Amino acid sequence: MPLSRAERVERRRAKLRAAGLRPVQLWVPDTTTPEFKKEAHRQSLLIAAADATIERRRENDFWERVSADAWDDLG
């Protein structure tokens, strides 16, 4: 007679425990809620703003180096 699903699961868990493992239950955010979507969007805007700031800083640094090199070449 074949094992029931519950028996197969229990056997598998017993083998895993014998191998020194233990089950762990994880709770994660429910990505289907409007609140999650709103918060994800808010955070993505923050990241985009930070990226823009970093990009602007890099661009400013570039032009400062170019200007400094140009002044050095004149001297």
PDB file of N, CA and C in Angstrom:
ATOM      1  N   MET A   1       0.842  -1.181   0.000  1.00  0.00           N
ATOM      2  CA  MET A   1       0.000   0.000   0.000  1.00  0.00           C
ATOM      3  C   MET A   1       0.887   1.244   0.000  1.00  0.00           C
ATOM      4  N   PRO A   2       0.633   2.208  -0.904  1.00  0.00           N
ATOM      5  CA  PRO A   2       1.464   3.412  -0.971  1.00  0.00           C
ATOM      6  C   PRO A   2       1.281   4.282   0.268  1.00  0.00           C
ATOM      7  N   LEU A   3       2.339   5.037   0.561  1.00  0.00           N
ATOM      8  CA  LEU A   3       2.284   5.950   1.710  1.00  0.00           C
ATOM      9  C   LEU A   3       1.396   7.146   1.384  1.00  0.00           C
ATOM     10  N   SER A   4       0.757   7.675   2.404  1.00  0.00           N
ATOM     11  CA  SER A   4      -0.040   8.885   2.225  1.00  0.00           C
ATOM     12  C   SER A   4       0.908  10.073   2.075  1.00  0.00           C
ATOM     13  N   ARG A   5       0.383  11.159   1.611  1.00  0.00           N
ATOM     14  CA  ARG A   5       1.185  12.375   1.453  1.00  0.00           C
ATOM     15  C   ARG A   5       1.794  12.785   2.795  1.00  0.00           C
ATOM     16  N   ALA A   6       1.000  12.743   3.846  1.00  0.00           N
ATOM     17  CA  ALA A   6       1.475  13.124   5.184  1.00  0.00           C
ATOM     18  C   ALA A   6       2.626  12.222   5.627  1.00  0.00           C
ATOM     19  N   GLU A   7       2.514  10.932   5.326  1.00  0.00           N
ATOM     20  CA  GLU A   7       3.591  10.001   5.706  1.00  0.00           C
ATOM     21  C   GLU A   7       4.868  10.282   4.907  1.00  0.00           C
ATOM     22  N   ARG A   8       4.718  10.577   3.620  1.00  0.00           N
ATOM     23  CA  ARG A   8       5.896  10.905   2.808  1.00  0.00           C
ATOM     24  C   ARG A   8       6.572  12.171   3.320  1.00  0.00           C
ATOM     25  N   VAL A   9       5.766  13.155   3.659  1.00  0.00           N
ATOM     26  CA  VAL A   9       6.314  14.413   4.181  1.00  0.00           C
ATOM     27  C   VAL A   9       7.044  14.147   5.493  1.00  0.00           C
ATOM     28  N   GLU A  10       6.428  13.369   6.373  1.00  0.00           N
ATOM     29  CA  GLU A  10       7.050  13.084   7.669  1.00  0.00           C
ATOM     30  C   GLU A  10       8.356  12.314   7.494  1.00  0.00           C
ATOM     31  N   ARG A  11       8.398  11.366   6.570  1.00  0.00           N
ATOM     32  CA  ARG A  11       9.649  10.634   6.307  1.00  0.00           C
ATOM     33  C   ARG A  11      10.734  11.586   5.811  1.00  0.00           C
ATOM     34  N   ARG A  12      10.360  12.448   4.889  1.00  0.00           N
ATOM     35  CA  ARG A  12      11.324  13.405   4.345  1.00  0.00           C
ATOM     36  C   ARG A  12      11.853  14.319   5.449  1.00  0.00           C
ATOM     37  N   ARG A  13      10.975  14.797   6.297  1.00  0.00           N
ATOM     38  CA  ARG A  13      11.402  15.652   7.406  1.00  0.00           C
ATOM     39  C   ARG A  13      12.288  14.903   8.387  1.00  0.00           C
ATOM     40  N   ALA A  14      11.985  13.656   8.629  1.00  0.00           N
ATOM     41  CA  ALA A  14      12.815  12.842   9.530  1.00  0.00           C
ATOM     42  C   ALA A  14      14.221  12.680   8.960  1.00  0.00           C
ATOM     43  N   LYS A  15      14.330  12.468   7.649  1.00  0.00           N
ATOM     44  CA  LYS A  15      15.648  12.350   7.008  1.00  0.00           C
ATOM     45  C   LYS A  15      16.415  13.661   7.121  1.00  0.00           C
ATOM     46  N   LEU A  16      15.737  14.759   6.921  1.00  0.00           N
ATOM     47  CA  LEU A  16      16.395  16.060   7.028  1.00  0.00           C
ATOM     48  C   LEU A  16      16.861  16.332   8.456  1.00  0.00           C
ATOM     49  N   ARG A  17      16.015  15.981   9.433  1.00  0.00           N
ATOM     50  CA  ARG A  17      16.419  16.157  10.843  1.00  0.00           C
ATOM     51  C   ARG A  17      17.613  15.273  11.166  1.00  0.00           C
ATOM     52  N   ALA A  18      17.605  14.043  10.642  1.00  0.00           N
ATOM     53  CA  ALA A  18      18.723  13.127  10.871  1.00  0.00           C
ATOM     54  C   ALA A  18      20.006  13.671  10.256  1.00  0.00           C
ATOM     55  N   ALA A  19      19.868  14.487   9.214  1.00  0.00           N
ATOM     56  CA  ALA A  19      21.037  15.095   8.576  1.00  0.00           C
ATOM     57  C   ALA A  19      21.494  16.353   9.322  1.00  0.00           C
ATOM     58  N   GLY A  20      20.827  16.667  10.441  1.00  0.00           N
ATOM     59  CA  GLY A  20      21.236  17.810  11.248  1.00  0.00           C
ATOM     60  C   GLY A  20      20.544  19.115  10.878  1.00  0.00           C
ATOM     61  N   LEU A  21      19.484  19.025  10.114  1.00  0.00           N
ATOM     62  CA  LEU A  21      18.753  20.228   9.720  1.00  0.00           C
ATOM     63  C   LEU A  21      17.499  20.375  10.561  1.00  0.00           C
ATOM     64  N   ARG A  22      16.967  21.587  10.585  1.00  0.00           N
ATOM     65  CA  ARG A  22      15.713  21.822  11.291  1.00  0.00           C
ATOM     66  C   ARG A  22      14.841  22.745  10.462  1.00  0.00           C
ATOM     67  N   PRO A  23      13.534  22.615  10.578  1.00  0.00           N
ATOM     68  CA  PRO A  23      12.653  23.485   9.798  1.00  0.00           C
ATOM     69  C   PRO A  23      12.617  24.896  10.384  1.00  0.00           C
ATOM     70  N   VAL A  24      12.477  25.860   9.501  1.00  0.00           N
ATOM     71  CA  VAL A  24      12.379  27.254   9.903  1.00  0.00           C
ATOM     72  C   VAL A  24      11.222  27.868   9.122  1.00  0.00           C
ATOM     73  N   GLN A  25      10.360  28.581   9.811  1.00  0.00           N
ATOM     74  CA  GLN A  25       9.250  29.249   9.156  1.00  0.00           C
ATOM     75  C   GLN A  25       9.595  30.718   8.984  1.00  0.00           C
ATOM     76  N   LEU A  26       9.446  31.219   7.764  1.00  0.00           N
ATOM     77  CA  LEU A  26       9.744  32.615   7.474  1.00  0.00           C
ATOM     78  C   LEU A  26       8.462  33.349   7.110  1.00  0.00           C
ATOM     79  N   TRP A  27       8.324  34.527   7.648  1.00  0.00           N
ATOM     80  CA  TRP A  27       7.201  35.386   7.293  1.00  0.00           C
ATOM     81  C   TRP A  27       7.752  36.513   6.449  1.00  0.00           C
ATOM     82  N   VAL A  28       7.141  36.732   5.315  1.00  0.00           N
ATOM     83  CA  VAL A  28       7.593  37.775   4.399  1.00  0.00           C
ATOM     84  C   VAL A  28       6.428  38.724   4.118  1.00  0.00           C
ATOM     85  N   PRO A  29       6.735  39.930   3.666  1.00  0.00           N
ATOM     86  CA  PRO A  29       5.647  40.872   3.359  1.00  0.00           C
ATOM     87  C   PRO A  29       4.714  40.320   2.281  1.00  0.00           C
ATOM     88  N   ASP A  30       3.452  40.654   2.407  1.00  0.00           N
ATOM     89  CA  ASP A  30       2.467  40.266   1.402  1.00  0.00           C
ATOM     90  C   ASP A  30       2.556  41.265   0.260  1.00  0.00           C
ATOM     91  N   THR A  31       3.136  40.830  -0.845  1.00  0.00           N
ATOM     92  CA  THR A  31       3.391  41.731  -1.966  1.00  0.00           C
ATOM     93  C   THR A  31       2.139  42.078  -2.763  1.00  0.00           C
ATOM     94  N   THR A  32       1.010  41.512  -2.385  1.00  0.00           N
ATOM     95  CA  THR A  32      -0.229  41.790  -3.122  1.00  0.00           C
ATOM     96  C   THR A  32      -1.041  42.929  -2.511  1.00  0.00           C
ATOM     97  N   THR A  33      -0.621  43.428  -1.354  1.00  0.00           N
ATOM     98  CA  THR A  33      -1.406  44.476  -0.688  1.00  0.00           C
ATOM     99  C   THR A  33      -1.102  45.857  -1.278  1.00  0.00           C
ATOM    100  N   PRO A  34      -2.075  46.737  -1.264  1.00  0.00           N
ATOM    101  CA  PRO A  34      -1.833  48.108  -1.734  1.00  0.00           C
ATOM    102  C   PRO A  34      -0.758  48.822  -0.906  1.00  0.00           C
ATOM    103  N   GLU A  35      -0.706  48.527   0.388  1.00  0.00           N
ATOM    104  CA  GLU A  35       0.290  49.161   1.251  1.00  0.00           C
ATOM    105  C   GLU A  35       1.703  48.784   0.819  1.00  0.00           C
ATOM    106  N   PHE A  36       1.901  47.506   0.489  1.00  0.00           N
ATOM    107  CA  PHE A  36       3.225  47.061   0.046  1.00  0.00           C
ATOM    108  C   PHE A  36       3.605  47.773  -1.246  1.00  0.00           C
ATOM    109  N   LYS A  37       2.667  47.819  -2.190  1.00  0.00           N
ATOM    110  CA  LYS A  37       2.946  48.462  -3.477  1.00  0.00           C
ATOM    111  C   LYS A  37       3.279  49.938  -3.290  1.00  0.00           C
ATOM    112  N   LYS A  38       2.557  50.602  -2.397  1.00  0.00           N
ATOM    113  CA  LYS A  38       2.805  52.026  -2.133  1.00  0.00           C
ATOM    114  C   LYS A  38       4.204  52.214  -1.539  1.00  0.00           C
ATOM    115  N   GLU A  39       4.567  51.377  -0.575  1.00  0.00           N
ATOM    116  CA  GLU A  39       5.877  51.485   0.069  1.00  0.00           C
ATOM    117  C   GLU A  39       6.999  51.145  -0.913  1.00  0.00           C
ATOM    118  N   ALA A  40       6.790  50.138  -1.745  1.00  0.00           N
ATOM    119  CA  ALA A  40       7.798  49.775  -2.747  1.00  0.00           C
ATOM    120  C   ALA A  40       8.018  50.937  -3.711  1.00  0.00           C
ATOM    121  N   HIS A  41       6.932  51.578  -4.104  1.00  0.00           N
ATOM    122  CA  HIS A  41       7.045  52.725  -5.011  1.00  0.00           C
ATOM    123  C   HIS A  41       7.782  53.875  -4.327  1.00  0.00           C
ATOM    124  N   ARG A  42       7.440  54.141  -3.072  1.00  0.00           N
ATOM    125  CA  ARG A  42       8.103  55.204  -2.319  1.00  0.00           C
ATOM    126  C   ARG A  42       9.609  54.954  -2.249  1.00  0.00           C
ATOM    127  N   GLN A  43       9.986  53.716  -1.948  1.00  0.00           N
ATOM    128  CA  GLN A  43      11.407  53.395  -1.844  1.00  0.00           C
ATOM    129  C   GLN A  43      12.107  53.471  -3.201  1.00  0.00           C
ATOM    130  N   SER A  44      11.401  53.082  -4.260  1.00  0.00           N
ATOM    131  CA  SER A  44      12.018  53.160  -5.585  1.00  0.00           C
ATOM    132  C   SER A  44      12.275  54.612  -5.975  1.00  0.00           C
ATOM    133  N   LEU A  45      11.384  55.525  -5.570  1.00  0.00           N
ATOM    134  CA  LEU A  45      11.608  56.943  -5.832  1.00  0.00           C
ATOM    135  C   LEU A  45      12.824  57.458  -5.068  1.00  0.00           C
ATOM    136  N   LEU A  46      12.994  56.988  -3.833  1.00  0.00           N
ATOM    137  CA  LEU A  46      14.172  57.383  -3.052  1.00  0.00           C
ATOM    138  C   LEU A  46      15.456  56.904  -3.715  1.00  0.00           C
ATOM    139  N   ILE A  47      15.429  55.677  -4.201  1.00  0.00           N
ATOM    140  CA  ILE A  47      16.615  55.130  -4.871  1.00  0.00           C
ATOM    141  C   ILE A  47      16.909  55.904  -6.146  1.00  0.00           C
ATOM    142  N   ALA A  48      15.861  56.195  -6.920  1.00  0.00           N
ATOM    143  CA  ALA A  48      16.052  56.961  -8.152  1.00  0.00           C
ATOM    144  C   ALA A  48      16.632  58.342  -7.852  1.00  0.00           C
ATOM    145  N   ALA A  49      16.135  58.967  -6.800  1.00  0.00           N
ATOM    146  CA  ALA A  49      16.649  60.289  -6.422  1.00  0.00           C
ATOM    147  C   ALA A  49      18.108  60.193  -5.987  1.00  0.00           C
ATOM    148  N   ALA A  50      18.445  59.160  -5.242  1.00  0.00           N
ATOM    149  CA  ALA A  50      19.832  58.970  -4.795  1.00  0.00           C
ATOM    150  C   ALA A  50      20.728  58.705  -5.999  1.00  0.00           C
ATOM    151  N   ASP A  51      20.260  57.888  -6.946  1.00  0.00           N
ATOM    152  CA  ASP A  51      21.042  57.620  -8.151  1.00  0.00           C
ATOM    153  C   ASP A  51      21.272  58.895  -8.934  1.00  0.00           C
ATOM    154  N   ALA A  52      20.236  59.716  -9.037  1.00  0.00           N
ATOM    155  CA  ALA A  52      20.369  60.972  -9.764  1.00  0.00           C
ATOM    156  C   ALA A  52      21.391  61.870  -9.073  1.00  0.00           C
ATOM    157  N   THR A  53      21.356  61.891  -7.758  1.00  0.00           N
ATOM    158  CA  THR A  53      22.305  62.700  -6.995  1.00  0.00           C
ATOM    159  C   THR A  53      23.727  62.200  -7.210  1.00  0.00           C
ATOM    160  N   ILE A  54      23.904  60.899  -7.165  1.00  0.00           N
ATOM    161  CA  ILE A  54      25.233  60.313  -7.381  1.00  0.00           C
ATOM    162  C   ILE A  54      25.704  60.626  -8.797  1.00  0.00           C
ATOM    163  N   GLU A  55      24.805  60.491  -9.766  1.00  0.00           N
ATOM    164  CA  GLU A  55      25.166  60.779 -11.154  1.00  0.00           C
ATOM    165  C   GLU A  55      25.549  62.243 -11.330  1.00  0.00           C
ATOM    166  N   ARG A  56      24.772  63.132 -10.710  1.00  0.00           N
ATOM    167  CA  ARG A  56      25.106  64.558 -10.780  1.00  0.00           C
ATOM    168  C   ARG A  56      26.461  64.839 -10.140  1.00  0.00           C
ATOM    169  N   ARG A  57      26.720  64.187  -9.007  1.00  0.00           N
ATOM    170  CA  ARG A  57      28.001  64.380  -8.326  1.00  0.00           C
ATOM    171  C   ARG A  57      29.149  63.911  -9.221  1.00  0.00           C
ATOM    172  N   ARG A  58      28.961  62.765  -9.871  1.00  0.00           N
ATOM    173  CA  ARG A  58      30.000  62.257 -10.780  1.00  0.00           C
ATOM    174  C   ARG A  58      30.224  63.230 -11.943  1.00  0.00           C
ATOM    175  N   GLU A  59      29.125  63.752 -12.470  1.00  0.00           N
ATOM    176  CA  GLU A  59      29.239  64.691 -13.583  1.00  0.00           C
ATOM    177  C   GLU A  59      29.967  65.955 -13.136  1.00  0.00           C
ATOM    178  N   ASN A  60      29.614  66.478 -11.964  1.00  0.00           N
ATOM    179  CA  ASN A  60      30.291  67.666 -11.438  1.00  0.00           C
ATOM    180  C   ASN A  60      31.769  67.393 -11.206  1.00  0.00           C
ATOM    181  N   ASP A  61      32.079  66.222 -10.643  1.00  0.00           N
ATOM    182  CA  ASP A  61      33.487  65.863 -10.413  1.00  0.00           C
ATOM    183  C   ASP A  61      34.244  65.794 -11.735  1.00  0.00           C
ATOM    184  N   PHE A  62      33.603  65.232 -12.749  1.00  0.00           N
ATOM    185  CA  PHE A  62      34.231  65.142 -14.067  1.00  0.00           C
ATOM    186  C   PHE A  62      34.584  66.532 -14.593  1.00  0.00           C
ATOM    187  N   TRP A  63      33.593  67.443 -14.553  1.00  0.00           N
ATOM    188  CA  TRP A  63      33.840  68.780 -15.095  1.00  0.00           C
ATOM    189  C   TRP A  63      34.866  69.541 -14.265  1.00  0.00           C
ATOM    190  N   GLU A  64      34.899  69.297 -12.966  1.00  0.00           N
ATOM    191  CA  GLU A  64      35.937  69.932 -12.137  1.00  0.00           C
ATOM    192  C   GLU A  64      37.312  69.443 -12.544  1.00  0.00           C
ATOM    193  N   ARG A  65      37.451  68.141 -12.795  1.00  0.00           N
ATOM    194  CA  ARG A  65      38.746  67.598 -13.219  1.00  0.00           C
ATOM    195  C   ARG A  65      39.143  68.154 -14.582  1.00  0.00           C
ATOM    196  N   VAL A  66      38.174  68.209 -15.511  1.00  0.00           N
ATOM    197  CA  VAL A  66      38.465  68.735 -16.844  1.00  0.00           C
ATOM    198  C   VAL A  66      38.913  70.199 -16.746  1.00  0.00           C
ATOM    199  N   SER A  67      38.180  70.979 -15.933  1.00  0.00           N
ATOM    200  CA  SER A  67      38.529  72.385 -15.770  1.00  0.00           C
ATOM    201  C   SER A  67      39.907  72.537 -15.143  1.00  0.00           C
ATOM    202  N   ALA A  68      40.194  71.733 -14.131  1.00  0.00           N
ATOM    203  CA  ALA A  68      41.499  71.808 -13.466  1.00  0.00           C
ATOM    204  C   ALA A  68      42.612  71.463 -14.446  1.00  0.00           C
ATOM    205  N   ASP A  69      42.386  70.422 -15.257  1.00  0.00           N
ATOM    206  CA  ASP A  69      43.385  70.046 -16.250  1.00  0.00           C
ATOM    207  C   ASP A  69      43.581  71.163 -17.265  1.00  0.00           C
ATOM    208  N   ALA A  70      42.503  71.815 -17.679  1.00  0.00           N
ATOM    209  CA  ALA A  70      42.606  72.904 -18.650  1.00  0.00           C
ATOM    210  C   ALA A  70      43.407  74.061 -18.066  1.00  0.00           C
ATOM    211  N   TRP A  71      43.148  74.402 -16.789  1.00  0.00           N
ATOM    212  CA  TRP A  71      43.884  75.488 -16.147  1.00  0.00           C
ATOM    213  C   TRP A  71      45.356  75.111 -16.006  1.00  0.00           C
ATOM    214  N   ASP A  72      45.608  73.836 -15.664  1.00  0.00           N
ATOM    215  CA  ASP A  72      46.996  73.388 -15.552  1.00  0.00           C
ATOM    216  C   ASP A  72      47.720  73.500 -16.884  1.00  0.00           C
ATOM    217  N   ASP A  73      47.020  73.179 -17.978  1.00  0.00           N
ATOM    218  CA  ASP A  73      47.622  73.255 -19.307  1.00  0.00           C
ATOM    219  C   ASP A  73      47.936  74.705 -19.707  1.00  0.00           C
ATOM    220  N   LEU A  74      47.151  75.656 -19.200  1.00  0.00           N
ATOM    221  CA  LEU A  74      47.388  77.064 -19.504  1.00  0.00           C
ATOM    222  C   LEU A  74      48.591  77.599 -18.749  1.00  0.00           C
ATOM    223  N   GLY A  75      48.921  76.996 -17.640  1.00  0.00           N
ATOM    224  CA  GLY A  75      49.985  77.518 -16.786  1.00  0.00           C
ATOM    225  C   GLY A  75      51.297  76.990 -17.102  1.00  0.00           C
TER     226      GLY A  75
END
